């Protein structure tokens, strides 16, 4: 894909060129991420981020003994760690 340019508005907004939106299947209302890399910023779709990070806890889960905590137990643990509940 060729290099595309877009100006930044006063509000910090940019228009993603149509060719880029079509290639990445970015639709109105989609959330996108801007990933800082060494010498540039990349636009990343949430699906790509999920695919790249999926399985990162696989090894942990494999070595985990006992019953895995429920989603509610995890959120309660996070809230306690943040000090929002006792």
PDB file of N, CA and C in Angstrom:
ATOM      1  N   UNK A   1       0.847  -1.177   0.000  1.00  0.00           N
ATOM      2  CA  UNK A   1       0.000   0.000   0.000  1.00  0.00           C
ATOM      3  C   UNK A   1       0.889   1.235   0.000  1.00  0.00           C
ATOM      4  N   UNK A   2       0.468   2.220  -0.742  1.00  0.00           N
ATOM      5  CA  UNK A   2       1.211   3.469  -0.843  1.00  0.00           C
ATOM      6  C   UNK A   2       1.066   4.284   0.443  1.00  0.00           C
ATOM      7  N   UNK A   3       1.982   5.173   0.646  1.00  0.00           N
ATOM      8  CA  UNK A   3       1.949   6.078   1.795  1.00  0.00           C
ATOM      9  C   UNK A   3       0.802   7.061   1.604  1.00  0.00           C
ATOM     10  N   UNK A   4      -0.025   7.245   2.606  1.00  0.00           N
ATOM     11  CA  UNK A   4      -1.164   8.167   2.562  1.00  0.00           C
ATOM     12  C   UNK A   4      -0.966   9.251   3.614  1.00  0.00           C
ATOM     13  N   UNK A   5      -1.454  10.451   3.321  1.00  0.00           N
ATOM     14  CA  UNK A   5      -1.312  11.575   4.244  1.00  0.00           C
ATOM     15  C   UNK A   5      -2.671  12.084   4.689  1.00  0.00           C
ATOM     16  N   UNK A   6      -2.717  12.643   5.881  1.00  0.00           N
ATOM     17  CA  UNK A   6      -3.927  13.244   6.429  1.00  0.00           C
ATOM     18  C   UNK A   6      -3.495  14.334   7.396  1.00  0.00           C
ATOM     19  N   UNK A   7      -4.175  15.470   7.356  1.00  0.00           N
ATOM     20  CA  UNK A   7      -3.841  16.576   8.251  1.00  0.00           C
ATOM     21  C   UNK A   7      -4.541  16.405   9.591  1.00  0.00           C
ATOM     22  N   UNK A   8      -3.917  16.907  10.628  1.00  0.00           N
ATOM     23  CA  UNK A   8      -4.491  16.890  11.973  1.00  0.00           C
ATOM     24  C   UNK A   8      -5.251  18.197  12.171  1.00  0.00           C
ATOM     25  N   UNK A   9      -6.504  18.098  12.635  1.00  0.00           N
ATOM     26  CA  UNK A   9      -7.310  19.294  12.876  1.00  0.00           C
ATOM     27  C   UNK A   9      -6.947  19.915  14.221  1.00  0.00           C
ATOM     28  N   UNK A  10      -7.541  21.070  14.490  1.00  0.00           N
ATOM     29  CA  UNK A  10      -7.326  21.735  15.777  1.00  0.00           C
ATOM     30  C   UNK A  10      -7.698  20.844  16.947  1.00  0.00           C
ATOM     31  N   UNK A  11      -8.695  19.993  16.741  1.00  0.00           N
ATOM     32  CA  UNK A  11      -9.170  19.100  17.798  1.00  0.00           C
ATOM     33  C   UNK A  11      -8.361  17.799  17.851  1.00  0.00           C
ATOM     34  N   UNK A  12      -7.320  17.690  17.047  1.00  0.00           N
ATOM     35  CA  UNK A  12      -6.493  16.486  17.065  1.00  0.00           C
ATOM     36  C   UNK A  12      -7.075  15.342  16.253  1.00  0.00           C
ATOM     37  N   UNK A  13      -8.055  15.630  15.422  1.00  0.00           N
ATOM     38  CA  UNK A  13      -8.689  14.589  14.623  1.00  0.00           C
ATOM     39  C   UNK A  13      -7.987  14.434  13.280  1.00  0.00           C
ATOM     40  N   UNK A  14      -8.017  13.208  12.773  1.00  0.00           N
ATOM     41  CA  UNK A  14      -7.487  12.938  11.439  1.00  0.00           C
ATOM     42  C   UNK A  14      -8.521  12.102  10.678  1.00  0.00           C
ATOM     43  N   UNK A  15      -8.509  12.211   9.377  1.00  0.00           N
ATOM     44  CA  UNK A  15      -9.363  11.386   8.535  1.00  0.00           C
ATOM     45  C   UNK A  15      -8.517  10.229   8.028  1.00  0.00           C
ATOM     46  N   UNK A  16      -9.005   9.022   8.239  1.00  0.00           N
ATOM     47  CA  UNK A  16      -8.301   7.849   7.740  1.00  0.00           C
ATOM     48  C   UNK A  16      -8.677   7.705   6.269  1.00  0.00           C
ATOM     49  N   UNK A  17      -7.703   7.690   5.378  1.00  0.00           N
ATOM     50  CA  UNK A  17      -8.005   7.594   3.947  1.00  0.00           C
ATOM     51  C   UNK A  17      -8.864   6.372   3.627  1.00  0.00           C
ATOM     52  N   UNK A  18      -9.746   6.521   2.650  1.00  0.00           N
ATOM     53  CA  UNK A  18     -10.680   5.475   2.276  1.00  0.00           C
ATOM     54  C   UNK A  18      -9.978   4.157   1.952  1.00  0.00           C
ATOM     55  N   UNK A  19      -8.832   4.238   1.271  1.00  0.00           N
ATOM     56  CA  UNK A  19      -8.101   3.001   0.924  1.00  0.00           C
ATOM     57  C   UNK A  19      -7.683   2.233   2.173  1.00  0.00           C
ATOM     58  N   UNK A  20      -7.289   2.957   3.206  1.00  0.00           N
ATOM     59  CA  UNK A  20      -6.872   2.329   4.461  1.00  0.00           C
ATOM     60  C   UNK A  20      -8.086   1.757   5.176  1.00  0.00           C
ATOM     61  N   UNK A  21      -9.178   2.532   5.229  1.00  0.00           N
ATOM     62  CA  UNK A  21     -10.406   2.050   5.877  1.00  0.00           C
ATOM     63  C   UNK A  21     -10.921   0.791   5.200  1.00  0.00           C
ATOM     64  N   UNK A  22     -10.879   0.772   3.880  1.00  0.00           N
ATOM     65  CA  UNK A  22     -11.355  -0.409   3.157  1.00  0.00           C
ATOM     66  C   UNK A  22     -10.453  -1.617   3.404  1.00  0.00           C
ATOM     67  N   UNK A  23      -9.145  -1.404   3.348  1.00  0.00           N
ATOM     68  CA  UNK A  23      -8.211  -2.517   3.543  1.00  0.00           C
ATOM     69  C   UNK A  23      -8.338  -3.108   4.943  1.00  0.00           C
ATOM     70  N   UNK A  24      -8.501  -2.253   5.953  1.00  0.00           N
ATOM     71  CA  UNK A  24      -8.596  -2.717   7.339  1.00  0.00           C
ATOM     72  C   UNK A  24     -10.042  -2.974   7.769  1.00  0.00           C
ATOM     73  N   UNK A  25     -10.978  -2.759   6.852  1.00  0.00           N
ATOM     74  CA  UNK A  25     -12.405  -2.942   7.139  1.00  0.00           C
ATOM     75  C   UNK A  25     -12.836  -2.111   8.348  1.00  0.00           C
ATOM     76  N   UNK A  26     -12.430  -0.855   8.366  1.00  0.00           N
ATOM     77  CA  UNK A  26     -12.797   0.060   9.441  1.00  0.00           C
ATOM     78  C   UNK A  26     -14.101   0.741   9.048  1.00  0.00           C
ATOM     79  N   UNK A  27     -15.110   0.596   9.898  1.00  0.00           N
ATOM     80  CA  UNK A  27     -16.437   1.149   9.637  1.00  0.00           C
ATOM     81  C   UNK A  27     -16.725   2.298  10.607  1.00  0.00           C
ATOM     82  N   UNK A  28     -17.687   3.131  10.257  1.00  0.00           N
ATOM     83  CA  UNK A  28     -18.107   4.217  11.138  1.00  0.00           C
ATOM     84  C   UNK A  28     -18.499   3.651  12.494  1.00  0.00           C
ATOM     85  N   UNK A  29     -18.000   4.258  13.561  1.00  0.00           N
ATOM     86  CA  UNK A  29     -18.315   3.810  14.912  1.00  0.00           C
ATOM     87  C   UNK A  29     -17.332   2.791  15.467  1.00  0.00           C
ATOM     88  N   UNK A  30     -16.452   2.246  14.613  1.00  0.00           N
ATOM     89  CA  UNK A  30     -15.453   1.282  15.094  1.00  0.00           C
ATOM     90  C   UNK A  30     -14.457   1.968  16.016  1.00  0.00           C
ATOM     91  N   UNK A  31     -13.935   1.226  16.965  1.00  0.00           N
ATOM     92  CA  UNK A  31     -12.850   1.702  17.807  1.00  0.00           C
ATOM     93  C   UNK A  31     -11.552   1.200  17.210  1.00  0.00           C
ATOM     94  N   UNK A  32     -10.580   2.073  17.122  1.00  0.00           N
ATOM     95  CA  UNK A  32      -9.259   1.664  16.644  1.00  0.00           C
ATOM     96  C   UNK A  32      -8.226   2.077  17.683  1.00  0.00           C
ATOM     97  N   UNK A  33      -7.094   1.419  17.651  1.00  0.00           N
ATOM     98  CA  UNK A  33      -6.017   1.731  18.580  1.00  0.00           C
ATOM     99  C   UNK A  33      -4.843   2.310  17.809  1.00  0.00           C
ATOM    100  N   UNK A  34      -4.134   3.224  18.439  1.00  0.00           N
ATOM    101  CA  UNK A  34      -2.909   3.771  17.876  1.00  0.00           C
ATOM    102  C   UNK A  34      -1.771   3.181  18.691  1.00  0.00           C
ATOM    103  N   UNK A  35      -0.960   2.379  18.049  1.00  0.00           N
ATOM    104  CA  UNK A  35       0.123   1.684  18.731  1.00  0.00           C
ATOM    105  C   UNK A  35       1.443   2.390  18.426  1.00  0.00           C
ATOM    106  N   UNK A  36       2.102   2.865  19.480  1.00  0.00           N
ATOM    107  CA  UNK A  36       3.396   3.516  19.300  1.00  0.00           C
ATOM    108  C   UNK A  36       4.461   2.459  19.069  1.00  0.00           C
ATOM    109  N   UNK A  37       5.219   2.645  18.016  1.00  0.00           N
ATOM    110  CA  UNK A  37       6.345   1.761  17.728  1.00  0.00           C
ATOM    111  C   UNK A  37       7.598   2.611  17.767  1.00  0.00           C
ATOM    112  N   UNK A  38       8.744   2.026  17.503  1.00  0.00           N
ATOM    113  CA  UNK A  38      10.005   2.772  17.643  1.00  0.00           C
ATOM    114  C   UNK A  38      10.009   4.103  16.908  1.00  0.00           C
ATOM    115  N   UNK A  39       9.673   4.079  15.627  1.00  0.00           N
ATOM    116  CA  UNK A  39       9.794   5.301  14.836  1.00  0.00           C
ATOM    117  C   UNK A  39       8.504   5.704  14.126  1.00  0.00           C
ATOM    118  N   UNK A  40       7.378   5.103  14.523  1.00  0.00           N
ATOM    119  CA  UNK A  40       6.104   5.445  13.896  1.00  0.00           C
ATOM    120  C   UNK A  40       4.939   4.994  14.756  1.00  0.00           C
ATOM    121  N   UNK A  41       3.748   5.367  14.340  1.00  0.00           N
ATOM    122  CA  UNK A  41       2.521   4.958  15.025  1.00  0.00           C
ATOM    123  C   UNK A  41       1.726   4.097  14.054  1.00  0.00           C
ATOM    124  N   UNK A  42       1.213   2.976  14.525  1.00  0.00           N
ATOM    125  CA  UNK A  42       0.425   2.076  13.690  1.00  0.00           C
ATOM    126  C   UNK A  42      -1.028   2.114  14.128  1.00  0.00           C
ATOM    127  N   UNK A  43      -1.927   2.006  13.162  1.00  0.00           N
ATOM    128  CA  UNK A  43      -3.352   1.879  13.456  1.00  0.00           C
ATOM    129  C   UNK A  43      -3.631   0.392  13.584  1.00  0.00           C
ATOM    130  N   UNK A  44      -4.246   0.003  14.712  1.00  0.00           N
ATOM    131  CA  UNK A  44      -4.498  -1.407  14.985  1.00  0.00           C
ATOM    132  C   UNK A  44      -5.982  -1.606  15.262  1.00  0.00           C
ATOM    133  N   UNK A  45      -6.579  -2.561  14.575  1.00  0.00           N
ATOM    134  CA  UNK A  45      -7.979  -2.901  14.852  1.00  0.00           C
ATOM    135  C   UNK A  45      -8.033  -3.723  16.131  1.00  0.00           C
ATOM    136  N   UNK A  46      -9.085  -3.588  16.944  1.00  0.00           N
ATOM    137  CA  UNK A  46      -9.189  -4.380  18.165  1.00  0.00           C
ATOM    138  C   UNK A  46      -9.067  -5.884  17.914  1.00  0.00           C
ATOM    139  N   UNK A  47      -9.616  -6.382  16.794  1.00  0.00           N
ATOM    140  CA  UNK A  47      -9.524  -7.803  16.496  1.00  0.00           C
ATOM    141  C   UNK A  47      -8.063  -8.230  16.371  1.00  0.00           C
ATOM    142  N   UNK A  48      -7.243  -7.383  15.731  1.00  0.00           N
ATOM    143  CA  UNK A  48      -5.827  -7.707  15.582  1.00  0.00           C
ATOM    144  C   UNK A  48      -5.149  -7.774  16.939  1.00  0.00           C
ATOM    145  N   UNK A  49      -5.503  -6.846  17.826  1.00  0.00           N
ATOM    146  CA  UNK A  49      -4.930  -6.812  19.167  1.00  0.00           C
ATOM    147  C   UNK A  49      -5.310  -8.065  19.935  1.00  0.00           C
ATOM    148  N   UNK A  50      -6.558  -8.484  19.815  1.00  0.00           N
ATOM    149  CA  UNK A  50      -7.016  -9.696  20.498  1.00  0.00           C
ATOM    150  C   UNK A  50      -6.275 -10.910  19.946  1.00  0.00           C
ATOM    151  N   UNK A  51      -6.150 -10.998  18.627  1.00  0.00           N
ATOM    152  CA  UNK A  51      -5.459 -12.131  18.023  1.00  0.00           C
ATOM    153  C   UNK A  51      -4.007 -12.196  18.469  1.00  0.00           C
ATOM    154  N   UNK A  52      -3.349 -11.023  18.551  1.00  0.00           N
ATOM    155  CA  UNK A  52      -1.934 -11.010  18.933  1.00  0.00           C
ATOM    156  C   UNK A  52      -1.724 -11.371  20.391  1.00  0.00           C
ATOM    157  N   UNK A  53      -2.718 -11.065  21.235  1.00  0.00           N
ATOM    158  CA  UNK A  53      -2.539 -11.327  22.666  1.00  0.00           C
ATOM    159  C   UNK A  53      -3.251 -12.583  23.128  1.00  0.00           C
ATOM    160  N   UNK A  54      -4.037 -13.204  22.246  1.00  0.00           N
ATOM    161  CA  UNK A  54      -4.742 -14.414  22.672  1.00  0.00           C
ATOM    162  C   UNK A  54      -3.735 -15.505  23.002  1.00  0.00           C
ATOM    163  N   UNK A  55      -4.005 -16.194  24.060  1.00  0.00           N
ATOM    164  CA  UNK A  55      -3.132 -17.287  24.452  1.00  0.00           C
ATOM    165  C   UNK A  55      -1.968 -16.890  25.343  1.00  0.00           C
ATOM    166  N   UNK A  56      -1.859 -15.610  25.713  1.00  0.00           N
ATOM    167  CA  UNK A  56      -0.723 -15.208  26.538  1.00  0.00           C
ATOM    168  C   UNK A  56      -0.774 -15.838  27.925  1.00  0.00           C
ATOM    169  N   UNK A  57      -1.956 -16.229  28.384  1.00  0.00           N
ATOM    170  CA  UNK A  57      -2.073 -16.840  29.705  1.00  0.00           C
ATOM    171  C   UNK A  57      -2.164 -18.361  29.631  1.00  0.00           C
ATOM    172  N   UNK A  58      -2.006 -18.915  28.431  1.00  0.00           N
ATOM    173  CA  UNK A  58      -2.128 -20.360  28.250  1.00  0.00           C
ATOM    174  C   UNK A  58      -1.164 -21.128  29.159  1.00  0.00           C
ATOM    175  N   UNK A  59       0.073 -20.700  29.192  1.00  0.00           N
ATOM    176  CA  UNK A  59       1.086 -21.384  30.009  1.00  0.00           C
ATOM    177  C   UNK A  59       0.734 -21.285  31.491  1.00  0.00           C
ATOM    178  N   UNK A  60       0.249 -20.098  31.927  1.00  0.00           N
ATOM    179  CA  UNK A  60      -0.165 -19.920  33.312  1.00  0.00           C
ATOM    180  C   UNK A  60      -1.296 -20.885  33.647  1.00  0.00           C
ATOM    181  N   UNK A  61      -2.300 -20.942  32.781  1.00  0.00           N
ATOM    182  CA  UNK A  61      -3.455 -21.802  33.026  1.00  0.00           C
ATOM    183  C   UNK A  61      -3.043 -23.268  33.065  1.00  0.00           C
ATOM    184  N   UNK A  62      -2.072 -23.632  32.239  1.00  0.00           N
ATOM    185  CA  UNK A  62      -1.609 -25.014  32.187  1.00  0.00           C
ATOM    186  C   UNK A  62      -0.971 -25.423  33.522  1.00  0.00           C
ATOM    187  N   UNK A  63      -0.263 -24.487  34.144  1.00  0.00           N
ATOM    188  CA  UNK A  63       0.446 -24.775  35.391  1.00  0.00           C
ATOM    189  C   UNK A  63      -0.378 -24.472  36.630  1.00  0.00           C
ATOM    190  N   UNK A  64      -1.576 -23.970  36.439  1.00  0.00           N
ATOM    191  CA  UNK A  64      -2.434 -23.587  37.562  1.00  0.00           C
ATOM    192  C   UNK A  64      -3.037 -24.832  38.179  1.00  0.00           C
ATOM    193  N   UNK A  65      -2.918 -24.927  39.495  1.00  0.00           N
ATOM    194  CA  UNK A  65      -3.510 -26.061  40.204  1.00  0.00           C
ATOM    195  C   UNK A  65      -4.738 -25.577  40.954  1.00  0.00           C
ATOM    196  N   UNK A  66      -5.769 -26.350  40.921  1.00  0.00           N
ATOM    197  CA  UNK A  66      -7.002 -25.969  41.605  1.00  0.00           C
ATOM    198  C   UNK A  66      -7.998 -25.403  40.627  1.00  0.00           C
ATOM    199  N   UNK A  67      -9.069 -24.861  41.186  1.00  0.00           N
ATOM    200  CA  UNK A  67     -10.147 -24.322  40.368  1.00  0.00           C
ATOM    201  C   UNK A  67      -9.842 -22.880  39.981  1.00  0.00           C
ATOM    202  N   UNK A  68     -10.071 -22.533  38.724  1.00  0.00           N
ATOM    203  CA  UNK A  68      -9.857 -21.158  38.273  1.00  0.00           C
ATOM    204  C   UNK A  68     -10.923 -20.258  38.895  1.00  0.00           C
ATOM    205  N   UNK A  69     -10.566 -19.012  39.253  1.00  0.00           N
ATOM    206  CA  UNK A  69     -11.549 -18.112  39.847  1.00  0.00           C
ATOM    207  C   UNK A  69     -12.603 -17.705  38.819  1.00  0.00           C
ATOM    208  N   UNK A  70     -13.796 -17.380  39.306  1.00  0.00           N
ATOM    209  CA  UNK A  70     -14.864 -16.917  38.419  1.00  0.00           C
ATOM    210  C   UNK A  70     -14.580 -15.470  38.013  1.00  0.00           C
ATOM    211  N   UNK A  71     -15.309 -15.004  37.019  1.00  0.00           N
ATOM    212  CA  UNK A  71     -15.156 -13.624  36.568  1.00  0.00           C
ATOM    213  C   UNK A  71     -15.464 -12.661  37.710  1.00  0.00           C
ATOM    214  N   UNK A  72     -16.522 -12.949  38.490  1.00  0.00           N
ATOM    215  CA  UNK A  72     -16.866 -12.086  39.624  1.00  0.00           C
ATOM    216  C   UNK A  72     -15.744 -12.043  40.653  1.00  0.00           C
ATOM    217  N   UNK A  73     -15.150 -13.198  40.934  1.00  0.00           N
ATOM    218  CA  UNK A  73     -14.040 -13.247  41.897  1.00  0.00           C
ATOM    219  C   UNK A  73     -12.843 -12.437  41.399  1.00  0.00           C
ATOM    220  N   UNK A  74     -12.608 -12.479  40.104  1.00  0.00           N
ATOM    221  CA  UNK A  74     -11.499 -11.695  39.537  1.00  0.00           C
ATOM    222  C   UNK A  74     -11.766 -10.209  39.700  1.00  0.00           C
ATOM    223  N   UNK A  75     -12.999  -9.760  39.357  1.00  0.00           N
ATOM    224  CA  UNK A  75     -13.336  -8.339  39.494  1.00  0.00           C
ATOM    225  C   UNK A  75     -13.295  -7.883  40.941  1.00  0.00           C
ATOM    226  N   UNK A  76     -13.734  -8.722  41.866  1.00  0.00           N
ATOM    227  CA  UNK A  76     -13.668  -8.385  43.292  1.00  0.00           C
ATOM    228  C   UNK A  76     -12.206  -8.237  43.715  1.00  0.00           C
ATOM    229  N   UNK A  77     -11.354  -9.148  43.259  1.00  0.00           N
ATOM    230  CA  UNK A  77      -9.923  -9.058  43.567  1.00  0.00           C
ATOM    231  C   UNK A  77      -9.303  -7.781  43.032  1.00  0.00           C
ATOM    232  N   UNK A  78      -9.686  -7.389  41.819  1.00  0.00           N
ATOM    233  CA  UNK A  78      -9.171  -6.141  41.234  1.00  0.00           C
ATOM    234  C   UNK A  78      -9.643  -4.946  42.045  1.00  0.00           C
ATOM    235  N   UNK A  79     -10.928  -4.947  42.408  1.00  0.00           N
ATOM    236  CA  UNK A  79     -11.478  -3.837  43.195  1.00  0.00           C
ATOM    237  C   UNK A  79     -10.784  -3.726  44.552  1.00  0.00           C
ATOM    238  N   UNK A  80     -10.513  -4.861  45.195  1.00  0.00           N
ATOM    239  CA  UNK A  80      -9.811  -4.843  46.480  1.00  0.00           C
ATOM    240  C   UNK A  80      -8.393  -4.303  46.313  1.00  0.00           C
ATOM    241  N   UNK A  81      -7.732  -4.727  45.238  1.00  0.00           N
ATOM    242  CA  UNK A  81      -6.370  -4.266  44.989  1.00  0.00           C
ATOM    243  C   UNK A  81      -6.334  -2.757  44.751  1.00  0.00           C
ATOM    244  N   UNK A  82      -7.364  -2.245  44.086  1.00  0.00           N
ATOM    245  CA  UNK A  82      -7.445  -0.805  43.819  1.00  0.00           C
ATOM    246  C   UNK A  82      -7.916  -0.021  45.032  1.00  0.00           C
ATOM    247  N   UNK A  83      -8.435  -0.731  46.035  1.00  0.00           N
ATOM    248  CA  UNK A  83      -8.903  -0.073  47.244  1.00  0.00           C
ATOM    249  C   UNK A  83     -10.304   0.484  47.118  1.00  0.00           C
ATOM    250  N   UNK A  84     -11.049   0.051  46.108  1.00  0.00           N
ATOM    251  CA  UNK A  84     -12.409   0.571  45.947  1.00  0.00           C
ATOM    252  C   UNK A  84     -13.409  -0.200  46.804  1.00  0.00           C
ATOM    253  N   UNK A  85     -13.032  -1.392  47.274  1.00  0.00           N
ATOM    254  CA  UNK A  85     -13.831  -2.136  48.248  1.00  0.00           C
ATOM    255  C   UNK A  85     -12.879  -2.777  49.239  1.00  0.00           C
ATOM    256  N   UNK A  86     -13.434  -3.197  50.360  1.00  0.00           N
ATOM    257  CA  UNK A  86     -12.598  -3.861  51.376  1.00  0.00           C
ATOM    258  C   UNK A  86     -12.766  -5.348  51.313  1.00  0.00           C
TER     259      UNK A  86
END
